[in-house]
All heavy atoms as atom14 arrays in JSON, in Angstrom:
{
  "sequence": "FQTDGKGELRLDDGRVLSPNDLYPLKKETFRLYYTSHCTDQQVIDVY",
  "atom14_mask": [
    [1, 1, 1, 1, 1, 1, 1, 1, 1, 1, 1, 0, 0, 0],
    [1, 1, 1, 1, 1, 1, 1, 1, 1, 0, 0, 0, 0, 0],
    [1, 1, 1, 1, 1, 1, 1, 0, 0, 0, 0, 0, 0, 0],
    [1, 1, 1, 1, 1, 1, 1, 1, 0, 0, 0, 0, 0, 0],
    [1, 1, 1, 1, 0, 0, 0, 0, 0, 0, 0, 0, 0, 0],
    [1, 1, 1, 1, 1, 1, 1, 1, 1, 0, 0, 0, 0, 0],
    [1, 1, 1, 1, 0, 0, 0, 0, 0, 0, 0, 0, 0, 0],
    [1, 1, 1, 1, 1, 1, 1, 1, 1, 0, 0, 0, 0, 0],
    [1, 1, 1, 1, 1, 1, 1, 1, 0, 0, 0, 0, 0, 0],
    [1, 1, 1, 1, 1, 1, 1, 1, 1, 1, 1, 0, 0, 0],
    [1, 1, 1, 1, 1, 1, 1, 1, 0, 0, 0, 0, 0, 0],
    [1, 1, 1, 1, 1, 1, 1, 1, 0, 0, 0, 0, 0, 0],
    [1, 1, 1, 1, 1, 1, 1, 1, 0, 0, 0, 0, 0, 0],
    [1, 1, 1, 1, 0, 0, 0, 0, 0, 0, 0, 0, 0, 0],
    [1, 1, 1, 1, 1, 1, 1, 1, 1, 1, 1, 0, 0, 0],
    [1, 1, 1, 1, 1, 1, 1, 0, 0, 0, 0, 0, 0, 0],
    [1, 1, 1, 1, 1, 1, 1, 1, 0, 0, 0, 0, 0, 0],
    [1, 1, 1, 1, 1, 1, 0, 0, 0, 0, 0, 0, 0, 0],
    [1, 1, 1, 1, 1, 1, 1, 0, 0, 0, 0, 0, 0, 0],
    [1, 1, 1, 1, 1, 1, 1, 1, 0, 0, 0, 0, 0, 0],
    [1, 1, 1, 1, 1, 1, 1, 1, 0, 0, 0, 0, 0, 0],
    [1, 1, 1, 1, 1, 1, 1, 1, 0, 0, 0, 0, 0, 0],
    [1, 1, 1, 1, 1, 1, 1, 1, 1, 1, 1, 1, 0, 0],
    [1, 1, 1, 1, 1, 1, 1, 0, 0, 0, 0, 0, 0, 0],
    [1, 1, 1, 1, 1, 1, 1, 1, 0, 0, 0, 0, 0, 0],
    [1, 1, 1, 1, 1, 1, 1, 1, 1, 0, 0, 0, 0, 0],
    [1, 1, 1, 1, 1, 1, 1, 1, 1, 0, 0, 0, 0, 0],
    [1, 1, 1, 1, 1, 1, 1, 1, 1, 0, 0, 0, 0, 0],
    [1, 1, 1, 1, 1, 1, 1, 0, 0, 0, 0, 0, 0, 0],
    [1, 1, 1, 1, 1, 1, 1, 1, 1, 1, 1, 0, 0, 0],
    [1, 1, 1, 1, 1, 1, 1, 1, 1, 1, 1, 0, 0, 0],
    [1, 1, 1, 1, 1, 1, 1, 1, 0, 0, 0, 0, 0, 0],
    [1, 1, 1, 1, 1, 1, 1, 1, 1, 1, 1, 1, 0, 0],
    [1, 1, 1, 1, 1, 1, 1, 1, 1, 1, 1, 1, 0, 0],
    [1, 1, 1, 1, 1, 1, 1, 0, 0, 0, 0, 0, 0, 0],
    [1, 1, 1, 1, 1, 1, 0, 0, 0, 0, 0, 0, 0, 0],
    [1, 1, 1, 1, 1, 1, 1, 1, 1, 1, 0, 0, 0, 0],
    [1, 1, 1, 1, 1, 1, 0, 0, 0, 0, 0, 0, 0, 0],
    [1, 1, 1, 1, 1, 1, 1, 0, 0, 0, 0, 0, 0, 0],
    [1, 1, 1, 1, 1, 1, 1, 1, 0, 0, 0, 0, 0, 0],
    [1, 1, 1, 1, 1, 1, 1, 1, 1, 0, 0, 0, 0, 0],
    [1, 1, 1, 1, 1, 1, 1, 1, 1, 0, 0, 0, 0, 0],
    [1, 1, 1, 1, 1, 1, 1, 0, 0, 0, 0, 0, 0, 0],
    [1, 1, 1, 1, 1, 1, 1, 1, 0, 0, 0, 0, 0, 0],
    [1, 1, 1, 1, 1, 1, 1, 1, 0, 0, 0, 0, 0, 0],
    [1, 1, 1, 1, 1, 1, 1, 0, 0, 0, 0, 0, 0, 0],
    [1, 1, 1, 1, 1, 1, 1, 1, 1, 1, 1, 1, 0, 0]
  ],
  "atom14_positions": [
    [[0.87, -1.18, 0.0], [0.0, 0.0, 0.0], [0.9, 1.23, 0.0], [1.9, 1.27, 0.71], [-0.89, 0.03, 1.25], [-1.78, -1.18, 1.38], [-1.41, -2.24, 2.19], [-2.96, -1.25, 0.68], [-2.21, -3.35, 2.32], [-3.78, -2.37, 0.8], [-3.4, -3.42, 1.62], [0.0, 0.0, 0.0], [0.0, 0.0, 0.0], [0.0, 0.0, 0.0]],
    [[0.55, 2.21, -0.8], [1.31, 3.46, -0.81], [0.48, 4.48, -0.05], [-0.59, 4.89, -0.49], [1.56, 3.94, -2.24], [2.29, 5.25, -2.29], [3.53, 5.2, -3.15], [3.65, 4.38, -4.02], [4.46, 6.09, -2.87], [0.0, 0.0, 0.0], [0.0, 0.0, 0.0], [0.0, 0.0, 0.0], [0.0, 0.0, 0.0], [0.0, 0.0, 0.0]],
    [[0.96, 4.87, 1.13], [0.19, 5.78, 1.98], [0.54, 7.24, 1.73], [-0.29, 8.12, 2.01], [0.41, 5.44, 3.47], [1.81, 5.45, 3.74], [-0.16, 4.07, 3.79], [0.0, 0.0, 0.0], [0.0, 0.0, 0.0], [0.0, 0.0, 0.0], [0.0, 0.0, 0.0], [0.0, 0.0, 0.0], [0.0, 0.0, 0.0], [0.0, 0.0, 0.0]],
    [[1.75, 7.52, 1.24], [2.16, 8.9, 0.9], [2.96, 8.87, -0.38], [3.74, 7.94, -0.62], [3.04, 9.51, 2.0], [2.24, 10.01, 3.19], [1.09, 10.44, 2.99], [2.78, 9.98, 4.31], [0.0, 0.0, 0.0], [0.0, 0.0, 0.0], [0.0, 0.0, 0.0], [0.0, 0.0, 0.0], [0.0, 0.0, 0.0], [0.0, 0.0, 0.0]],
    [[2.81, 9.92, -1.18], [3.6, 10.07, -2.38], [3.08, 9.23, -3.53], [1.97, 8.71, -3.51], [0.0, 0.0, 0.0], [0.0, 0.0, 0.0], [0.0, 0.0, 0.0], [0.0, 0.0, 0.0], [0.0, 0.0, 0.0], [0.0, 0.0, 0.0], [0.0, 0.0, 0.0], [0.0, 0.0, 0.0], [0.0, 0.0, 0.0], [0.0, 0.0, 0.0]],
    [[3.93, 9.13, -4.55], [3.56, 8.37, -5.75], [4.8, 7.67, -6.27], [5.86, 8.28, -6.4], [2.99, 9.31, -6.81], [2.45, 8.61, -8.02], [1.79, 9.59, -8.97], [1.26, 8.84, -10.17], [0.69, 9.72, -11.15], [0.0, 0.0, 0.0], [0.0, 0.0, 0.0], [0.0, 0.0, 0.0], [0.0, 0.0, 0.0], [0.0, 0.0, 0.0]],
    [[4.67, 6.37, -6.55], [5.8, 5.61, -7.06], [5.36, 4.26, -7.56], [4.16, 3.95, -7.62], [0.0, 0.0, 0.0], [0.0, 0.0, 0.0], [0.0, 0.0, 0.0], [0.0, 0.0, 0.0], [0.0, 0.0, 0.0], [0.0, 0.0, 0.0], [0.0, 0.0, 0.0], [0.0, 0.0, 0.0], [0.0, 0.0, 0.0], [0.0, 0.0, 0.0]],
    [[6.36, 3.45, -7.93], [6.1, 2.13, -8.5], [6.98, 1.12, -7.78], [8.15, 1.38, -7.52], [6.45, 2.18, -9.99], [6.38, 0.85, -10.69], [6.84, 0.98, -12.14], [6.0, 1.34, -12.98], [8.04, 0.76, -12.4], [0.0, 0.0, 0.0], [0.0, 0.0, 0.0], [0.0, 0.0, 0.0], [0.0, 0.0, 0.0], [0.0, 0.0, 0.0]],
    [[6.4, -0.04, -7.47], [7.15, -1.11, -6.82], [7.16, -2.32, -7.75], [6.11, -2.7, -8.28], [6.51, -1.48, -5.47], [7.29, -2.46, -4.61], [8.61, -1.83, -4.13], [6.47, -2.9, -3.41], [0.0, 0.0, 0.0], [0.0, 0.0, 0.0], [0.0, 0.0, 0.0], [0.0, 0.0, 0.0], [0.0, 0.0, 0.0], [0.0, 0.0, 0.0]],
    [[8.35, -2.89, -7.94], [8.44, -4.09, -8.77], [9.35, -5.11, -8.11], [10.21, -4.77, -7.3], [8.9, -3.76, -10.19], [10.26, -3.21, -10.31], [10.59, -2.86, -11.78], [11.74, -1.99, -11.83], [13.0, -2.38, -11.79], [13.27, -3.66, -11.7], [13.98, -1.51, -11.83], [0.0, 0.0, 0.0], [0.0, 0.0, 0.0], [0.0, 0.0, 0.0]],
    [[9.12, -6.37, -8.45], [9.94, -7.47, -7.97], [11.17, -7.64, -8.85], [11.2, -7.13, -9.98], [9.13, -8.77, -7.96], [8.09, -8.9, -6.87], [7.13, -10.04, -7.16], [8.77, -9.12, -5.53], [0.0, 0.0, 0.0], [0.0, 0.0, 0.0], [0.0, 0.0, 0.0], [0.0, 0.0, 0.0], [0.0, 0.0, 0.0], [0.0, 0.0, 0.0]],
    [[12.15, -8.38, -8.36], [13.37, -8.59, -9.12], [13.16, -9.4, -10.4], [14.02, -9.43, -11.26], [14.47, -9.21, -8.26], [14.04, -10.48, -7.57], [12.94, -10.99, -7.82], [14.83, -10.99, -6.74], [0.0, 0.0, 0.0], [0.0, 0.0, 0.0], [0.0, 0.0, 0.0], [0.0, 0.0, 0.0], [0.0, 0.0, 0.0], [0.0, 0.0, 0.0]],
    [[12.01, -10.05, -10.54], [11.72, -10.77, -11.79], [11.04, -9.86, -12.83], [10.65, -10.32, -13.89], [10.87, -12.01, -11.52], [9.49, -11.71, -10.97], [9.12, -10.52, -10.85], [8.76, -12.67, -10.66], [0.0, 0.0, 0.0], [0.0, 0.0, 0.0], [0.0, 0.0, 0.0], [0.0, 0.0, 0.0], [0.0, 0.0, 0.0], [0.0, 0.0, 0.0]],
    [[10.9, -8.56, -12.51], [10.34, -7.6, -13.45], [8.86, -7.3, -13.27], [8.34, -6.38, -13.88], [0.0, 0.0, 0.0], [0.0, 0.0, 0.0], [0.0, 0.0, 0.0], [0.0, 0.0, 0.0], [0.0, 0.0, 0.0], [0.0, 0.0, 0.0], [0.0, 0.0, 0.0], [0.0, 0.0, 0.0], [0.0, 0.0, 0.0], [0.0, 0.0, 0.0]],
    [[8.18, -8.1, -12.45], [6.74, -7.85, -12.25], [6.52, -6.53, -11.53], [7.07, -6.29, -10.46], [6.1, -8.96, -11.41], [5.89, -10.25, -12.12], [5.13, -11.24, -11.25], [6.02, -11.68, -10.17], [5.62, -12.42, -9.14], [4.36, -12.79, -9.03], [6.48, -12.79, -8.22], [0.0, 0.0, 0.0], [0.0, 0.0, 0.0], [0.0, 0.0, 0.0]],
    [[5.69, -5.67, -12.13], [5.3, -4.42, -11.49], [4.08, -4.72, -10.64], [3.1, -5.3, -11.12], [4.98, -3.33, -12.54], [4.48, -2.07, -11.86], [6.22, -3.03, -13.38], [0.0, 0.0, 0.0], [0.0, 0.0, 0.0], [0.0, 0.0, 0.0], [0.0, 0.0, 0.0], [0.0, 0.0, 0.0], [0.0, 0.0, 0.0], [0.0, 0.0, 0.0]],
    [[4.14, -4.34, -9.37], [3.05, -4.62, -8.44], [2.07, -3.46, -8.41], [2.49, -2.3, -8.34], [3.6, -4.87, -7.03], [4.68, -5.94, -6.91], [5.13, -6.05, -5.46], [4.2, -7.27, -7.43], [0.0, 0.0, 0.0], [0.0, 0.0, 0.0], [0.0, 0.0, 0.0], [0.0, 0.0, 0.0], [0.0, 0.0, 0.0], [0.0, 0.0, 0.0]],
    [[0.8, -3.76, -8.46], [-0.23, -2.74, -8.3], [-0.58, -2.66, -6.82], [-0.68, -3.71, -6.15], [-1.48, -3.1, -9.09], [-1.22, -3.06, -10.47], [0.0, 0.0, 0.0], [0.0, 0.0, 0.0], [0.0, 0.0, 0.0], [0.0, 0.0, 0.0], [0.0, 0.0, 0.0], [0.0, 0.0, 0.0], [0.0, 0.0, 0.0], [0.0, 0.0, 0.0]],
    [[-0.78, -1.45, -6.3], [-1.13, -1.33, -4.88], [-2.38, -2.15, -4.56], [-3.32, -2.21, -5.36], [-1.38, 0.16, -4.69], [-0.65, 0.82, -5.81], [-0.7, -0.15, -6.96], [0.0, 0.0, 0.0], [0.0, 0.0, 0.0], [0.0, 0.0, 0.0], [0.0, 0.0, 0.0], [0.0, 0.0, 0.0], [0.0, 0.0, 0.0], [0.0, 0.0, 0.0]],
    [[-2.37, -2.77, -3.41], [-3.5, -3.51, -2.85], [-3.74, -4.87, -3.49], [-4.61, -5.61, -3.04], [-4.8, -2.7, -2.88], [-4.65, -1.35, -2.24], [-3.83, -1.16, -1.36], [-5.44, -0.4, -2.69], [0.0, 0.0, 0.0], [0.0, 0.0, 0.0], [0.0, 0.0, 0.0], [0.0, 0.0, 0.0], [0.0, 0.0, 0.0], [0.0, 0.0, 0.0]],
    [[-3.02, -5.23, -4.55], [-3.21, -6.54, -5.18], [-2.25, -7.55, -4.56], [-1.15, -7.21, -4.12], [-2.96, -6.47, -6.69], [-4.09, -5.76, -7.43], [-5.13, -5.49, -6.81], [-3.91, -5.48, -8.63], [0.0, 0.0, 0.0], [0.0, 0.0, 0.0], [0.0, 0.0, 0.0], [0.0, 0.0, 0.0], [0.0, 0.0, 0.0], [0.0, 0.0, 0.0]],
    [[-2.67, -8.81, -4.54], [-1.91, -9.89, -3.93], [-1.19, -10.68, -5.02], [-1.82, -11.1, -6.0], [-2.86, -10.8, -3.15], [-2.27, -11.78, -2.15], [-1.54, -11.04, -1.05], [-3.37, -12.63, -1.55], [0.0, 0.0, 0.0], [0.0, 0.0, 0.0], [0.0, 0.0, 0.0], [0.0, 0.0, 0.0], [0.0, 0.0, 0.0], [0.0, 0.0, 0.0]],
    [[0.13, -10.89, -4.85], [0.94, -11.6, -5.83], [1.67, -12.75, -5.16], [2.17, -12.59, -4.05], [1.99, -10.66, -6.44], [1.39, -9.52, -7.21], [1.07, -8.32, -6.57], [1.13, -9.62, -8.56], [0.52, -7.26, -7.26], [0.57, -8.56, -9.27], [0.27, -7.39, -8.62], [-0.28, -6.35, -9.31], [0.0, 0.0, 0.0], [0.0, 0.0, 0.0]],
    [[1.8, -13.9, -5.83], [2.56, -15.01, -5.23], [4.05, -14.69, -5.22], [4.57, -14.09, -6.16], [2.26, -16.19, -6.16], [1.76, -15.61, -7.43], [1.19, -14.27, -7.11], [0.0, 0.0, 0.0], [0.0, 0.0, 0.0], [0.0, 0.0, 0.0], [0.0, 0.0, 0.0], [0.0, 0.0, 0.0], [0.0, 0.0, 0.0], [0.0, 0.0, 0.0]],
    [[4.71, -15.07, -4.15], [6.17, -14.95, -4.05], [6.76, -16.3, -4.47], [6.35, -17.34, -3.95], [6.6, -14.64, -2.62], [6.74, -13.19, -2.25], [7.13, -13.06, -0.78], [7.71, -12.46, -3.12], [0.0, 0.0, 0.0], [0.0, 0.0, 0.0], [0.0, 0.0, 0.0], [0.0, 0.0, 0.0], [0.0, 0.0, 0.0], [0.0, 0.0, 0.0]],
    [[7.7, -16.26, -5.37], [8.28, -17.5, -5.88], [9.57, -17.88, -5.17], [10.03, -19.0, -5.26], [8.54, -17.36, -7.38], [7.26, -17.11, -8.16], [7.53, -16.84, -9.61], [6.21, -16.53, -10.32], [6.41, -16.04, -11.67], [0.0, 0.0, 0.0], [0.0, 0.0, 0.0], [0.0, 0.0, 0.0], [0.0, 0.0, 0.0], [0.0, 0.0, 0.0]],
    [[10.18, -16.91, -4.45], [11.45, -17.15, -3.77], [11.38, -16.62, -2.34], [10.59, -15.73, -2.05], [12.59, -16.43, -4.49], [12.75, -16.8, -5.94], [13.93, -16.08, -6.58], [13.6, -14.65, -6.89], [14.64, -13.93, -7.61], [0.0, 0.0, 0.0], [0.0, 0.0, 0.0], [0.0, 0.0, 0.0], [0.0, 0.0, 0.0], [0.0, 0.0, 0.0]],
    [[12.23, -17.15, -1.48], [12.31, -16.66, -0.1], [13.3, -15.52, 0.04], [13.24, -14.77, 1.0], [12.67, -17.82, 0.84], [11.57, -18.85, 0.94], [11.92, -19.99, 1.85], [12.9, -19.89, 2.63], [11.23, -21.02, 1.78], [0.0, 0.0, 0.0], [0.0, 0.0, 0.0], [0.0, 0.0, 0.0], [0.0, 0.0, 0.0], [0.0, 0.0, 0.0]],
    [[14.23, -15.4, -0.89], [15.17, -14.29, -0.93], [14.92, -13.56, -2.24], [14.98, -14.18, -3.31], [16.63, -14.78, -0.86], [16.79, -15.51, 0.37], [17.61, -13.63, -0.88], [0.0, 0.0, 0.0], [0.0, 0.0, 0.0], [0.0, 0.0, 0.0], [0.0, 0.0, 0.0], [0.0, 0.0, 0.0], [0.0, 0.0, 0.0], [0.0, 0.0, 0.0]],
    [[14.61, -12.29, -2.14], [14.22, -11.54, -3.33], [14.55, -10.07, -3.13], [14.89, -9.63, -2.03], [12.73, -11.73, -3.65], [11.82, -11.33, -2.52], [11.25, -10.07, -2.49], [11.53, -12.22, -1.48], [10.42, -9.69, -1.44], [10.7, -11.86, -0.44], [10.14, -10.59, -0.42], [0.0, 0.0, 0.0], [0.0, 0.0, 0.0], [0.0, 0.0, 0.0]],
    [[14.4, -9.3, -4.2], [14.63, -7.86, -4.14], [13.41, -7.13, -4.67], [12.74, -7.6, -5.59], [15.86, -7.48, -4.97], [17.12, -8.05, -4.39], [18.32, -7.75, -5.23], [19.45, -8.51, -4.7], [20.7, -8.21, -4.91], [21.02, -7.17, -5.66], [21.65, -8.93, -4.4], [0.0, 0.0, 0.0], [0.0, 0.0, 0.0], [0.0, 0.0, 0.0]],
    [[13.15, -6.01, -4.05], [12.1, -5.09, -4.5], [12.78, -3.82, -4.99], [13.82, -3.43, -4.44], [11.14, -4.75, -3.36], [10.35, -5.9, -2.76], [9.64, -5.44, -1.49], [9.34, -6.42, -3.77], [0.0, 0.0, 0.0], [0.0, 0.0, 0.0], [0.0, 0.0, 0.0], [0.0, 0.0, 0.0], [0.0, 0.0, 0.0], [0.0, 0.0, 0.0]],
    [[12.19, -3.19, -5.98], [12.72, -1.93, -6.48], [11.59, -0.9, -6.47], [10.57, -1.1, -7.12], [13.28, -2.1, -7.9], [14.45, -3.05, -7.93], [14.28, -4.4, -8.2], [15.73, -2.6, -7.64], [15.35, -5.27, -8.21], [16.81, -3.47, -7.64], [16.61, -4.8, -7.93], [17.67, -5.67, -7.92], [0.0, 0.0, 0.0], [0.0, 0.0, 0.0]],
    [[11.79, 0.15, -5.7], [10.81, 1.23, -5.64], [11.34, 2.39, -6.47], [12.46, 2.86, -6.27], [10.59, 1.69, -4.19], [9.63, 2.85, -4.13], [8.26, 2.63, -4.2], [10.1, 4.15, -4.05], [7.37, 3.69, -4.19], [9.22, 5.21, -4.03], [7.86, 4.98, -4.11], [6.99, 6.03, -4.11], [0.0, 0.0, 0.0], [0.0, 0.0, 0.0]],
    [[10.51, 2.86, -7.43], [10.87, 3.99, -8.27], [9.98, 5.16, -7.91], [8.74, 5.04, -7.93], [10.71, 3.64, -9.77], [11.51, 2.49, -10.05], [11.15, 4.8, -10.65], [0.0, 0.0, 0.0], [0.0, 0.0, 0.0], [0.0, 0.0, 0.0], [0.0, 0.0, 0.0], [0.0, 0.0, 0.0], [0.0, 0.0, 0.0], [0.0, 0.0, 0.0]],
    [[10.61, 6.29, -7.61], [9.89, 7.5, -7.21], [9.26, 8.18, -8.43], [9.9, 8.31, -9.48], [10.86, 8.47, -6.54], [10.25, 9.72, -6.35], [0.0, 0.0, 0.0], [0.0, 0.0, 0.0], [0.0, 0.0, 0.0], [0.0, 0.0, 0.0], [0.0, 0.0, 0.0], [0.0, 0.0, 0.0], [0.0, 0.0, 0.0], [0.0, 0.0, 0.0]],
    [[8.01, 8.61, -8.28], [7.32, 9.35, -9.34], [6.84, 10.71, -8.84], [5.92, 11.28, -9.42], [6.13, 8.56, -9.87], [6.51, 7.33, -10.65], [7.51, 7.31, -11.59], [6.03, 6.07, -10.61], [7.62, 6.1, -12.1], [6.74, 5.32, -11.52], [0.0, 0.0, 0.0], [0.0, 0.0, 0.0], [0.0, 0.0, 0.0], [0.0, 0.0, 0.0]],
    [[7.46, 11.23, -7.77], [7.06, 12.54, -7.26], [8.19, 13.15, -6.45], [9.21, 12.51, -6.22], [5.78, 12.44, -6.43], [5.99, 11.64, -4.84], [0.0, 0.0, 0.0], [0.0, 0.0, 0.0], [0.0, 0.0, 0.0], [0.0, 0.0, 0.0], [0.0, 0.0, 0.0], [0.0, 0.0, 0.0], [0.0, 0.0, 0.0], [0.0, 0.0, 0.0]],
    [[7.99, 14.39, -6.04], [9.01, 15.07, -5.24], [8.59, 15.19, -3.77], [9.26, 15.87, -3.0], [9.28, 16.48, -5.81], [8.06, 17.22, -5.82], [9.87, 16.4, -7.21], [0.0, 0.0, 0.0], [0.0, 0.0, 0.0], [0.0, 0.0, 0.0], [0.0, 0.0, 0.0], [0.0, 0.0, 0.0], [0.0, 0.0, 0.0], [0.0, 0.0, 0.0]],
    [[7.51, 14.54, -3.4], [7.02, 14.57, -2.02], [7.62, 13.41, -1.23], [8.27, 12.53, -1.78], [5.49, 14.45, -2.0], [4.8, 15.56, -2.75], [5.32, 16.7, -2.74], [3.75, 15.3, -3.36], [0.0, 0.0, 0.0], [0.0, 0.0, 0.0], [0.0, 0.0, 0.0], [0.0, 0.0, 0.0], [0.0, 0.0, 0.0], [0.0, 0.0, 0.0]],
    [[7.33, 13.4, 0.07], [7.67, 12.25, 0.89], [6.89, 11.05, 0.37], [5.74, 11.18, -0.04], [7.32, 12.49, 2.36], [7.57, 11.28, 3.22], [7.21, 11.48, 4.68], [7.03, 12.59, 5.14], [7.12, 10.38, 5.39], [0.0, 0.0, 0.0], [0.0, 0.0, 0.0], [0.0, 0.0, 0.0], [0.0, 0.0, 0.0], [0.0, 0.0, 0.0]],
    [[7.52, 9.88, 0.41], [6.88, 8.66, -0.08], [6.96, 7.58, 0.98], [8.01, 7.39, 1.58], [7.56, 8.2, -1.36], [7.37, 9.25, -2.47], [8.48, 9.22, -3.48], [8.51, 8.33, -4.28], [9.38, 10.2, -3.42], [0.0, 0.0, 0.0], [0.0, 0.0, 0.0], [0.0, 0.0, 0.0], [0.0, 0.0, 0.0], [0.0, 0.0, 0.0]],
    [[5.83, 6.91, 1.21], [5.76, 5.87, 2.23], [5.01, 4.68, 1.62], [3.94, 4.84, 1.04], [5.02, 6.36, 3.49], [4.92, 5.24, 4.52], [5.71, 7.57, 4.09], [0.0, 0.0, 0.0], [0.0, 0.0, 0.0], [0.0, 0.0, 0.0], [0.0, 0.0, 0.0], [0.0, 0.0, 0.0], [0.0, 0.0, 0.0], [0.0, 0.0, 0.0]],
    [[5.59, 3.49, 1.79], [4.9, 2.26, 1.38], [4.92, 1.28, 2.55], [5.86, 1.26, 3.34], [5.5, 1.62, 0.11], [6.94, 1.19, 0.34], [5.37, 2.53, -1.09], [7.52, 0.32, -0.78], [0.0, 0.0, 0.0], [0.0, 0.0, 0.0], [0.0, 0.0, 0.0], [0.0, 0.0, 0.0], [0.0, 0.0, 0.0], [0.0, 0.0, 0.0]],
    [[3.88, 0.49, 2.64], [3.79, -0.61, 3.59], [3.76, -1.9, 2.78], [2.88, -2.07, 1.93], [2.53, -0.51, 4.45], [2.52, 0.73, 5.32], [3.59, 1.09, 5.85], [1.45, 1.34, 5.47], [0.0, 0.0, 0.0], [0.0, 0.0, 0.0], [0.0, 0.0, 0.0], [0.0, 0.0, 0.0], [0.0, 0.0, 0.0], [0.0, 0.0, 0.0]],
    [[4.72, -2.8, 3.03], [4.81, -4.07, 2.32], [4.32, -5.17, 3.26], [4.75, -5.23, 4.42], [6.26, -4.35, 1.86], [6.38, -5.74, 1.25], [6.72, -3.28, 0.89], [0.0, 0.0, 0.0], [0.0, 0.0, 0.0], [0.0, 0.0, 0.0], [0.0, 0.0, 0.0], [0.0, 0.0, 0.0], [0.0, 0.0, 0.0], [0.0, 0.0, 0.0]],
    [[3.43, -6.01, 2.76], [2.86, -7.1, 3.54], [3.21, -8.43, 2.87], [3.01, -8.59, 1.66], [1.33, -6.99, 3.61], [0.86, -5.77, 4.36], [0.72, -4.54, 3.72], [0.55, -5.84, 5.7], [0.3, -3.42, 4.4], [0.12, -4.72, 6.4], [0.0, -3.52, 5.74], [-0.41, -2.41, 6.43], [0.0, 0.0, 0.0], [0.0, 0.0, 0.0]]
  ]
}
């Protein structure tokens, strides 16, 4: 969930995650990449 700001979150396999949608995790060790799309403070909660 993105509570402040605007940005994009994607998994290391290239999947772009949409806020509030549930995606299967294929690995126990992984990387997330958050890309900023604004100049404000940005806050995300990952579940």
